[in-house]
Amino acid sequence: MTSQTNNAPSIQPADRPTVIPLPAGYTTLTPFFCVDGAERAIAFYCAVLGGEVVTRNDNPDGTVAHCEIQLPAGRMQLSDPAPAHHLVPATGEDDVSRSTVAYVPDVDATYERAVALGAKGYGAPETFVTGDRFAALLDPWGHRWAVMTRVEDVAPEEAKRRVDAWLAEQH
């Protein structure tokens, strides 16, 4: 019986190139949205959030398999539905299981642009006790967003105190 040896060079941990685990342009959390009509959604998100397409891969049938949009401070990803990968679009109903927060330079202009492009607004922007001016909306694909602009620097302890006082007033 002959013994076979592997002549491939052994790479030791010290010999491996250093790879930064977070790619350039990303933040720790990168949301991925499944939308029915990704072509239109890409145009909407770029127009409303000030994004730019970084990369896009289409399926042979022309649907979007994967698209990455660079935002001013992070990225988002999206695709058309892909049931084989268990990716289905949001229902579009008002009651949702999550909301994505996006800080923007001008919440009033962003909200107005989103509504003009088909989003459902849940009330004009208001300034909250945390120092953020915000508005909530449901985009045309059923994803809820809270768009915000910081208008007052509030220390974390003061923000907590203000939110606690606001919550007490709600009951």
N, C-alpha and C. Protein backbone atom coordinates (compact mmCIF):
# COMPACT_ATOMS: atom_id res chain seq x y z
N MET A 1 0.84 -1.16 0.00
CA MET A 1 0.00 0.00 0.00
C MET A 1 0.89 1.22 0.00
N THR A 2 0.62 2.14 -0.92
CA THR A 2 1.42 3.35 -0.99
C THR A 2 0.71 4.48 -0.26
N SER A 3 1.53 5.26 0.31
CA SER A 3 1.00 6.41 1.03
C SER A 3 1.09 7.63 0.12
N GLN A 4 0.01 8.38 0.02
CA GLN A 4 0.02 9.59 -0.79
C GLN A 4 0.20 10.78 0.14
N THR A 5 0.98 11.71 -0.33
CA THR A 5 1.17 12.92 0.46
C THR A 5 0.65 14.10 -0.32
N ASN A 6 0.23 15.08 0.39
CA ASN A 6 -0.24 16.31 -0.20
C ASN A 6 0.94 17.26 -0.31
N ASN A 7 1.30 17.60 -1.54
CA ASN A 7 2.44 18.49 -1.76
C ASN A 7 2.06 19.96 -1.78
N ALA A 8 0.80 20.26 -1.51
CA ALA A 8 0.38 21.67 -1.50
C ALA A 8 1.04 22.37 -0.33
N PRO A 9 1.49 23.61 -0.56
CA PRO A 9 2.13 24.34 0.54
C PRO A 9 1.13 24.62 1.65
N SER A 10 1.59 24.52 2.85
CA SER A 10 0.74 24.78 4.02
C SER A 10 0.76 26.29 4.31
N ILE A 11 -0.41 26.86 4.43
CA ILE A 11 -0.50 28.29 4.75
C ILE A 11 -0.80 28.41 6.24
N GLN A 12 0.10 28.99 6.94
CA GLN A 12 -0.07 29.21 8.37
C GLN A 12 -0.80 30.53 8.60
N PRO A 13 -1.49 30.68 9.71
CA PRO A 13 -2.22 31.91 9.98
C PRO A 13 -1.37 33.18 9.80
N ALA A 14 -0.14 33.16 10.18
CA ALA A 14 0.72 34.35 10.06
C ALA A 14 1.01 34.67 8.59
N ASP A 15 0.88 33.66 7.70
CA ASP A 15 1.17 33.86 6.28
C ASP A 15 -0.05 34.36 5.51
N ARG A 16 -1.21 34.27 6.10
CA ARG A 16 -2.44 34.68 5.40
C ARG A 16 -2.50 36.19 5.28
N PRO A 17 -3.00 36.66 4.14
CA PRO A 17 -3.14 38.11 4.00
C PRO A 17 -4.20 38.62 4.98
N THR A 18 -3.99 39.83 5.45
CA THR A 18 -4.95 40.42 6.37
C THR A 18 -6.15 40.93 5.58
N VAL A 19 -7.32 40.48 5.95
CA VAL A 19 -8.55 40.88 5.30
C VAL A 19 -9.40 41.61 6.32
N ILE A 20 -9.84 42.79 5.97
CA ILE A 20 -10.73 43.53 6.86
C ILE A 20 -12.11 42.90 6.73
N PRO A 21 -12.72 42.49 7.84
CA PRO A 21 -13.98 41.76 7.76
C PRO A 21 -15.18 42.59 7.30
N LEU A 22 -15.09 43.91 7.36
CA LEU A 22 -16.18 44.77 6.92
C LEU A 22 -15.75 45.47 5.64
N PRO A 23 -16.39 45.14 4.50
CA PRO A 23 -15.98 45.75 3.24
C PRO A 23 -16.19 47.26 3.22
N ALA A 24 -15.42 47.94 2.42
CA ALA A 24 -15.54 49.39 2.28
C ALA A 24 -16.95 49.75 1.82
N GLY A 25 -17.51 50.81 2.40
CA GLY A 25 -18.84 51.26 2.04
C GLY A 25 -19.96 50.67 2.88
N TYR A 26 -19.66 49.66 3.67
CA TYR A 26 -20.68 49.00 4.48
C TYR A 26 -20.61 49.48 5.93
N THR A 27 -21.74 49.34 6.62
CA THR A 27 -21.77 49.46 8.06
C THR A 27 -22.03 48.06 8.59
N THR A 28 -22.03 47.87 9.88
CA THR A 28 -22.23 46.54 10.45
C THR A 28 -23.54 45.91 10.00
N LEU A 29 -24.58 46.72 9.88
CA LEU A 29 -25.89 46.22 9.50
C LEU A 29 -26.23 46.76 8.11
N THR A 30 -26.51 45.86 7.18
CA THR A 30 -26.89 46.24 5.82
C THR A 30 -28.24 45.61 5.51
N PRO A 31 -29.31 46.42 5.46
CA PRO A 31 -30.62 45.83 5.21
C PRO A 31 -30.77 45.33 3.77
N PHE A 32 -31.52 44.25 3.63
CA PHE A 32 -31.83 43.67 2.33
C PHE A 32 -33.35 43.67 2.20
N PHE A 33 -33.86 44.27 1.13
CA PHE A 33 -35.30 44.38 0.91
C PHE A 33 -35.71 43.53 -0.29
N CYS A 34 -36.74 42.74 -0.11
CA CYS A 34 -37.36 42.02 -1.22
C CYS A 34 -38.53 42.87 -1.68
N VAL A 35 -38.53 43.24 -2.95
CA VAL A 35 -39.57 44.11 -3.50
C VAL A 35 -40.11 43.51 -4.79
N ASP A 36 -41.40 43.65 -5.01
CA ASP A 36 -42.00 43.18 -6.25
C ASP A 36 -42.01 44.36 -7.21
N GLY A 37 -40.99 44.42 -8.06
CA GLY A 37 -40.80 45.56 -8.95
C GLY A 37 -39.49 46.26 -8.63
N ALA A 38 -38.42 45.51 -8.55
CA ALA A 38 -37.12 46.05 -8.11
C ALA A 38 -36.62 47.17 -9.02
N GLU A 39 -36.90 47.09 -10.30
CA GLU A 39 -36.44 48.13 -11.23
C GLU A 39 -36.95 49.50 -10.77
N ARG A 40 -38.23 49.61 -10.47
CA ARG A 40 -38.81 50.88 -10.00
C ARG A 40 -38.33 51.21 -8.60
N ALA A 41 -38.18 50.20 -7.76
CA ALA A 41 -37.73 50.43 -6.38
C ALA A 41 -36.32 51.02 -6.35
N ILE A 42 -35.47 50.56 -7.23
CA ILE A 42 -34.10 51.09 -7.29
C ILE A 42 -34.15 52.58 -7.58
N ALA A 43 -34.95 52.98 -8.56
CA ALA A 43 -35.07 54.40 -8.91
C ALA A 43 -35.64 55.19 -7.73
N PHE A 44 -36.65 54.63 -7.04
CA PHE A 44 -37.27 55.29 -5.89
C PHE A 44 -36.26 55.51 -4.77
N TYR A 45 -35.57 54.44 -4.36
CA TYR A 45 -34.62 54.55 -3.25
C TYR A 45 -33.46 55.49 -3.57
N CYS A 46 -33.00 55.47 -4.81
CA CYS A 46 -31.92 56.39 -5.19
C CYS A 46 -32.41 57.84 -5.13
N ALA A 47 -33.62 58.08 -5.64
CA ALA A 47 -34.16 59.45 -5.65
C ALA A 47 -34.49 59.95 -4.25
N VAL A 48 -35.08 59.09 -3.43
CA VAL A 48 -35.53 59.52 -2.10
C VAL A 48 -34.38 59.58 -1.10
N LEU A 49 -33.50 58.60 -1.12
CA LEU A 49 -32.44 58.50 -0.11
C LEU A 49 -31.09 59.02 -0.58
N GLY A 50 -31.02 59.50 -1.82
CA GLY A 50 -29.75 60.01 -2.32
C GLY A 50 -28.74 58.91 -2.59
N GLY A 51 -29.24 57.78 -3.05
CA GLY A 51 -28.36 56.63 -3.29
C GLY A 51 -27.86 56.54 -4.71
N GLU A 52 -26.92 55.64 -4.89
CA GLU A 52 -26.34 55.37 -6.20
C GLU A 52 -26.07 53.87 -6.31
N VAL A 53 -26.48 53.29 -7.42
CA VAL A 53 -26.28 51.85 -7.63
C VAL A 53 -24.79 51.56 -7.71
N VAL A 54 -24.35 50.60 -6.89
CA VAL A 54 -22.96 50.17 -6.88
C VAL A 54 -22.79 48.96 -7.77
N THR A 55 -23.71 48.02 -7.62
CA THR A 55 -23.66 46.80 -8.42
C THR A 55 -25.07 46.26 -8.58
N ARG A 56 -25.28 45.59 -9.69
CA ARG A 56 -26.60 45.01 -9.97
C ARG A 56 -26.40 43.76 -10.80
N ASN A 57 -27.12 42.70 -10.42
CA ASN A 57 -27.11 41.44 -11.15
C ASN A 57 -28.54 41.08 -11.49
N ASP A 58 -28.81 40.85 -12.78
CA ASP A 58 -30.14 40.49 -13.22
C ASP A 58 -30.21 39.01 -13.56
N ASN A 59 -31.38 38.43 -13.34
CA ASN A 59 -31.65 37.06 -13.74
C ASN A 59 -31.86 37.03 -15.26
N PRO A 60 -31.78 35.84 -15.88
CA PRO A 60 -32.01 35.75 -17.32
C PRO A 60 -33.38 36.30 -17.77
N ASP A 61 -34.38 36.26 -16.87
CA ASP A 61 -35.71 36.77 -17.23
C ASP A 61 -35.84 38.29 -17.05
N GLY A 62 -34.75 38.95 -16.64
CA GLY A 62 -34.76 40.40 -16.49
C GLY A 62 -35.08 40.90 -15.09
N THR A 63 -35.51 40.01 -14.20
CA THR A 63 -35.75 40.45 -12.83
C THR A 63 -34.42 40.69 -12.13
N VAL A 64 -34.47 41.49 -11.08
CA VAL A 64 -33.25 41.83 -10.35
C VAL A 64 -32.96 40.74 -9.31
N ALA A 65 -31.81 40.10 -9.46
CA ALA A 65 -31.40 39.06 -8.52
C ALA A 65 -30.76 39.70 -7.29
N HIS A 66 -30.00 40.78 -7.51
CA HIS A 66 -29.31 41.45 -6.40
C HIS A 66 -28.88 42.83 -6.86
N CYS A 67 -29.12 43.82 -6.02
CA CYS A 67 -28.68 45.18 -6.30
C CYS A 67 -28.19 45.80 -5.00
N GLU A 68 -27.07 46.50 -5.08
CA GLU A 68 -26.55 47.23 -3.93
C GLU A 68 -26.58 48.71 -4.23
N ILE A 69 -27.11 49.48 -3.28
CA ILE A 69 -27.21 50.92 -3.42
C ILE A 69 -26.37 51.56 -2.32
N GLN A 70 -25.44 52.41 -2.73
CA GLN A 70 -24.63 53.16 -1.77
C GLN A 70 -25.43 54.38 -1.33
N LEU A 71 -25.62 54.52 -0.04
CA LEU A 71 -26.28 55.67 0.54
C LEU A 71 -25.20 56.60 1.10
N PRO A 72 -25.56 57.79 1.52
CA PRO A 72 -24.52 58.68 2.05
C PRO A 72 -23.70 58.08 3.19
N ALA A 73 -24.28 57.22 4.02
CA ALA A 73 -23.53 56.62 5.13
C ALA A 73 -23.93 55.16 5.32
N GLY A 74 -23.75 54.36 4.30
CA GLY A 74 -24.08 52.95 4.39
C GLY A 74 -24.64 52.44 3.08
N ARG A 75 -25.04 51.20 3.09
CA ARG A 75 -25.61 50.57 1.90
C ARG A 75 -26.90 49.86 2.23
N MET A 76 -27.68 49.64 1.18
CA MET A 76 -28.84 48.77 1.26
C MET A 76 -28.77 47.83 0.06
N GLN A 77 -29.43 46.70 0.18
CA GLN A 77 -29.48 45.73 -0.90
C GLN A 77 -30.93 45.39 -1.16
N LEU A 78 -31.23 44.96 -2.39
CA LEU A 78 -32.59 44.56 -2.71
C LEU A 78 -32.61 43.61 -3.88
N SER A 79 -33.77 42.96 -4.03
CA SER A 79 -33.99 42.07 -5.16
C SER A 79 -35.49 41.96 -5.41
N ASP A 80 -35.82 41.43 -6.57
CA ASP A 80 -37.19 41.01 -6.82
C ASP A 80 -37.43 39.76 -5.98
N PRO A 81 -38.69 39.34 -5.82
CA PRO A 81 -38.96 38.12 -5.06
C PRO A 81 -38.19 36.92 -5.60
N ALA A 82 -37.76 36.08 -4.68
CA ALA A 82 -37.03 34.86 -5.03
C ALA A 82 -37.55 33.74 -4.12
N PRO A 83 -38.74 33.23 -4.43
CA PRO A 83 -39.34 32.20 -3.56
C PRO A 83 -38.44 30.99 -3.32
N ALA A 84 -37.62 30.62 -4.28
CA ALA A 84 -36.72 29.48 -4.09
C ALA A 84 -35.72 29.74 -2.96
N HIS A 85 -35.49 31.03 -2.66
CA HIS A 85 -34.58 31.41 -1.58
C HIS A 85 -35.34 31.96 -0.38
N HIS A 86 -36.66 31.75 -0.39
CA HIS A 86 -37.54 32.17 0.70
C HIS A 86 -37.56 33.69 0.87
N LEU A 87 -37.43 34.43 -0.22
CA LEU A 87 -37.51 35.88 -0.22
C LEU A 87 -38.81 36.30 -0.88
N VAL A 88 -39.73 36.80 -0.07
CA VAL A 88 -41.02 37.24 -0.56
C VAL A 88 -41.20 38.72 -0.19
N PRO A 89 -41.99 39.44 -0.98
CA PRO A 89 -42.17 40.86 -0.70
C PRO A 89 -43.04 41.12 0.53
N ALA A 90 -42.92 42.34 1.07
CA ALA A 90 -43.77 42.76 2.18
C ALA A 90 -45.23 42.76 1.72
N THR A 91 -46.14 42.72 2.68
CA THR A 91 -47.56 42.66 2.34
C THR A 91 -48.11 44.01 1.89
N GLY A 92 -47.49 45.09 2.32
CA GLY A 92 -47.99 46.42 1.98
C GLY A 92 -49.04 46.94 2.94
N GLU A 93 -49.35 46.15 3.97
CA GLU A 93 -50.33 46.58 4.96
C GLU A 93 -49.69 47.56 5.94
N ASP A 94 -50.53 48.34 6.62
CA ASP A 94 -50.03 49.33 7.57
C ASP A 94 -49.32 48.71 8.77
N ASP A 95 -49.79 47.55 9.22
CA ASP A 95 -49.16 46.89 10.35
C ASP A 95 -47.99 46.06 9.85
N VAL A 96 -46.80 46.38 10.35
CA VAL A 96 -45.58 45.72 9.89
C VAL A 96 -44.79 45.21 11.09
N SER A 97 -43.83 44.35 10.82
CA SER A 97 -43.02 43.79 11.90
C SER A 97 -41.72 44.56 12.12
N ARG A 98 -41.42 45.50 11.22
CA ARG A 98 -40.18 46.27 11.40
C ARG A 98 -40.27 47.59 10.66
N SER A 99 -39.37 48.47 11.04
CA SER A 99 -39.25 49.77 10.38
C SER A 99 -37.77 50.07 10.25
N THR A 100 -37.36 50.60 9.13
CA THR A 100 -35.96 50.93 8.90
C THR A 100 -35.77 52.43 9.10
N VAL A 101 -34.79 52.80 9.90
CA VAL A 101 -34.49 54.20 10.16
C VAL A 101 -33.41 54.66 9.18
N ALA A 102 -33.65 55.81 8.57
CA ALA A 102 -32.66 56.40 7.66
C ALA A 102 -32.47 57.86 8.05
N TYR A 103 -31.25 58.21 8.46
CA TYR A 103 -30.92 59.60 8.72
C TYR A 103 -30.59 60.27 7.39
N VAL A 104 -31.22 61.40 7.15
CA VAL A 104 -31.08 62.13 5.90
C VAL A 104 -30.76 63.60 6.21
N PRO A 105 -30.18 64.32 5.25
CA PRO A 105 -29.84 65.72 5.50
C PRO A 105 -31.05 66.62 5.74
N ASP A 106 -32.19 66.33 5.09
CA ASP A 106 -33.38 67.18 5.20
C ASP A 106 -34.62 66.30 5.20
N VAL A 107 -35.13 65.98 6.38
CA VAL A 107 -36.26 65.06 6.50
C VAL A 107 -37.50 65.61 5.79
N ASP A 108 -37.71 66.92 5.84
CA ASP A 108 -38.90 67.47 5.20
C ASP A 108 -38.87 67.25 3.69
N ALA A 109 -37.74 67.53 3.06
CA ALA A 109 -37.61 67.34 1.62
C ALA A 109 -37.68 65.86 1.26
N THR A 110 -37.06 65.01 2.06
CA THR A 110 -37.07 63.57 1.81
C THR A 110 -38.49 63.02 1.90
N TYR A 111 -39.21 63.43 2.93
CA TYR A 111 -40.60 62.98 3.10
C TYR A 111 -41.46 63.43 1.93
N GLU A 112 -41.34 64.69 1.56
CA GLU A 112 -42.12 65.23 0.45
C GLU A 112 -41.82 64.48 -0.86
N ARG A 113 -40.54 64.21 -1.11
CA ARG A 113 -40.14 63.49 -2.32
C ARG A 113 -40.69 62.06 -2.31
N ALA A 114 -40.60 61.39 -1.15
CA ALA A 114 -41.09 60.01 -1.04
C ALA A 114 -42.59 59.95 -1.32
N VAL A 115 -43.35 60.85 -0.72
CA VAL A 115 -44.80 60.86 -0.92
C VAL A 115 -45.14 61.18 -2.38
N ALA A 116 -44.41 62.12 -2.96
CA ALA A 116 -44.65 62.47 -4.37
C ALA A 116 -44.38 61.28 -5.29
N LEU A 117 -43.46 60.39 -4.87
CA LEU A 117 -43.10 59.23 -5.68
C LEU A 117 -43.91 57.98 -5.31
N GLY A 118 -44.95 58.14 -4.48
CA GLY A 118 -45.85 57.02 -4.23
C GLY A 118 -45.85 56.44 -2.83
N ALA A 119 -45.04 56.96 -1.92
CA ALA A 119 -45.06 56.44 -0.55
C ALA A 119 -46.30 56.94 0.17
N LYS A 120 -46.73 56.18 1.17
CA LYS A 120 -47.84 56.59 2.02
C LYS A 120 -47.24 57.23 3.27
N GLY A 121 -47.53 58.51 3.47
CA GLY A 121 -47.04 59.20 4.65
C GLY A 121 -47.95 59.00 5.84
N TYR A 122 -47.36 58.94 7.02
CA TYR A 122 -48.13 58.80 8.26
C TYR A 122 -48.12 60.10 9.07
N GLY A 123 -48.03 61.23 8.40
CA GLY A 123 -48.02 62.52 9.08
C GLY A 123 -46.77 63.29 8.74
N ALA A 124 -46.91 64.59 8.66
CA ALA A 124 -45.79 65.46 8.32
C ALA A 124 -44.67 65.33 9.35
N PRO A 125 -43.45 65.64 8.95
CA PRO A 125 -42.33 65.57 9.90
C PRO A 125 -42.56 66.44 11.13
N GLU A 126 -42.13 65.93 12.27
CA GLU A 126 -42.20 66.62 13.56
C GLU A 126 -40.88 66.45 14.28
N THR A 127 -40.59 67.37 15.18
CA THR A 127 -39.38 67.25 15.99
C THR A 127 -39.73 66.52 17.28
N PHE A 128 -38.99 65.45 17.56
CA PHE A 128 -39.23 64.62 18.73
C PHE A 128 -38.31 65.05 19.87
N VAL A 129 -38.61 64.58 21.06
CA VAL A 129 -37.86 64.99 22.26
C VAL A 129 -36.39 64.57 22.23
N THR A 130 -36.02 63.64 21.38
CA THR A 130 -34.64 63.18 21.28
C THR A 130 -33.75 64.14 20.49
N GLY A 131 -34.38 65.15 19.86
CA GLY A 131 -33.62 66.07 19.03
C GLY A 131 -33.62 65.68 17.57
N ASP A 132 -34.42 64.67 17.22
CA ASP A 132 -34.54 64.24 15.83
C ASP A 132 -35.85 64.74 15.25
N ARG A 133 -35.78 65.33 14.08
CA ARG A 133 -36.99 65.64 13.32
C ARG A 133 -37.26 64.39 12.49
N PHE A 134 -38.48 63.87 12.54
CA PHE A 134 -38.73 62.58 11.89
C PHE A 134 -40.11 62.52 11.26
N ALA A 135 -40.27 61.57 10.38
CA ALA A 135 -41.57 61.23 9.80
C ALA A 135 -41.54 59.74 9.46
N ALA A 136 -42.71 59.12 9.49
CA ALA A 136 -42.83 57.71 9.13
C ALA A 136 -43.57 57.60 7.81
N LEU A 137 -43.18 56.61 7.01
CA LEU A 137 -43.85 56.39 5.73
C LEU A 137 -43.76 54.93 5.35
N LEU A 138 -44.67 54.54 4.48
CA LEU A 138 -44.68 53.19 3.92
C LEU A 138 -44.35 53.33 2.45
N ASP A 139 -43.24 52.75 2.02
CA ASP A 139 -42.86 52.92 0.62
C ASP A 139 -43.81 52.12 -0.29
N PRO A 140 -43.76 52.35 -1.60
CA PRO A 140 -44.71 51.66 -2.50
C PRO A 140 -44.60 50.14 -2.51
N TRP A 141 -43.56 49.58 -1.89
CA TRP A 141 -43.37 48.13 -1.84
C TRP A 141 -43.69 47.55 -0.48
N GLY A 142 -44.27 48.37 0.41
CA GLY A 142 -44.74 47.88 1.69
C GLY A 142 -43.73 47.88 2.82
N HIS A 143 -42.61 48.57 2.64
CA HIS A 143 -41.60 48.65 3.70
C HIS A 143 -41.76 49.97 4.45
N ARG A 144 -41.80 49.89 5.78
CA ARG A 144 -41.97 51.07 6.61
C ARG A 144 -40.61 51.69 6.90
N TRP A 145 -40.57 53.01 6.83
CA TRP A 145 -39.36 53.78 7.08
C TRP A 145 -39.64 54.86 8.11
N ALA A 146 -38.66 55.17 8.91
CA ALA A 146 -38.65 56.37 9.74
C ALA A 146 -37.49 57.19 9.21
N VAL A 147 -37.79 58.31 8.56
CA VAL A 147 -36.73 59.17 8.05
C VAL A 147 -36.50 60.28 9.07
N MET A 148 -35.23 60.58 9.33
CA MET A 148 -34.89 61.50 10.41
C MET A 148 -33.75 62.42 10.03
N THR A 149 -33.76 63.60 10.68
CA THR A 149 -32.66 64.54 10.61
C THR A 149 -32.40 65.03 12.03
N ARG A 150 -31.17 64.97 12.49
CA ARG A 150 -30.82 65.48 13.82
C ARG A 150 -30.86 67.00 13.77
N VAL A 151 -31.66 67.61 14.66
CA VAL A 151 -31.78 69.07 14.69
C VAL A 151 -31.32 69.65 16.03
N GLU A 152 -31.09 68.77 17.02
CA GLU A 152 -30.61 69.21 18.33
C GLU A 152 -29.72 68.12 18.90
N ASP A 153 -28.54 68.49 19.34
CA ASP A 153 -27.67 67.53 20.01
C ASP A 153 -28.15 67.36 21.44
N VAL A 154 -28.56 66.15 21.78
CA VAL A 154 -29.08 65.85 23.11
C VAL A 154 -28.23 64.73 23.70
N ALA A 155 -27.69 64.95 24.89
CA ALA A 155 -26.89 63.93 25.57
C ALA A 155 -27.75 62.69 25.82
N PRO A 156 -27.14 61.52 25.78
CA PRO A 156 -27.93 60.28 25.98
C PRO A 156 -28.76 60.28 27.27
N GLU A 157 -28.20 60.77 28.36
CA GLU A 157 -28.95 60.79 29.63
C GLU A 157 -30.17 61.71 29.51
N GLU A 158 -30.00 62.86 28.87
CA GLU A 158 -31.10 63.80 28.70
C GLU A 158 -32.15 63.23 27.75
N ALA A 159 -31.70 62.55 26.69
CA ALA A 159 -32.65 61.93 25.76
C ALA A 159 -33.49 60.88 26.49
N LYS A 160 -32.84 60.07 27.34
CA LYS A 160 -33.58 59.06 28.10
C LYS A 160 -34.60 59.73 29.01
N ARG A 161 -34.19 60.79 29.70
CA ARG A 161 -35.10 61.50 30.60
C ARG A 161 -36.31 62.04 29.82
N ARG A 162 -36.03 62.64 28.66
CA ARG A 162 -37.11 63.21 27.84
C ARG A 162 -38.06 62.13 27.32
N VAL A 163 -37.51 61.02 26.85
CA VAL A 163 -38.36 59.94 26.33
C VAL A 163 -39.20 59.36 27.45
N ASP A 164 -38.59 59.14 28.64
CA ASP A 164 -39.36 58.63 29.77
C ASP A 164 -40.51 59.58 30.12
N ALA A 165 -40.26 60.88 30.11
CA ALA A 165 -41.32 61.86 30.41
C ALA A 165 -42.39 61.83 29.33
N TRP A 166 -41.97 61.73 28.08
CA TRP A 166 -42.93 61.65 26.97
C TRP A 166 -43.80 60.39 27.09
N LEU A 167 -43.16 59.25 27.40
CA LEU A 167 -43.92 58.01 27.56
C LEU A 167 -44.93 58.11 28.69
N ALA A 168 -44.55 58.74 29.79
CA ALA A 168 -45.47 58.90 30.93
C ALA A 168 -46.69 59.73 30.52
N GLU A 169 -46.50 60.68 29.63
CA GLU A 169 -47.62 61.52 29.16
C GLU A 169 -48.56 60.76 28.23
N GLN A 170 -48.10 59.68 27.64
CA GLN A 170 -48.90 58.93 26.67
C GLN A 170 -49.96 58.07 27.34
N HIS A 171 -49.84 57.84 28.63
CA HIS A 171 -50.78 56.94 29.32
C HIS A 171 -51.78 57.70 30.13
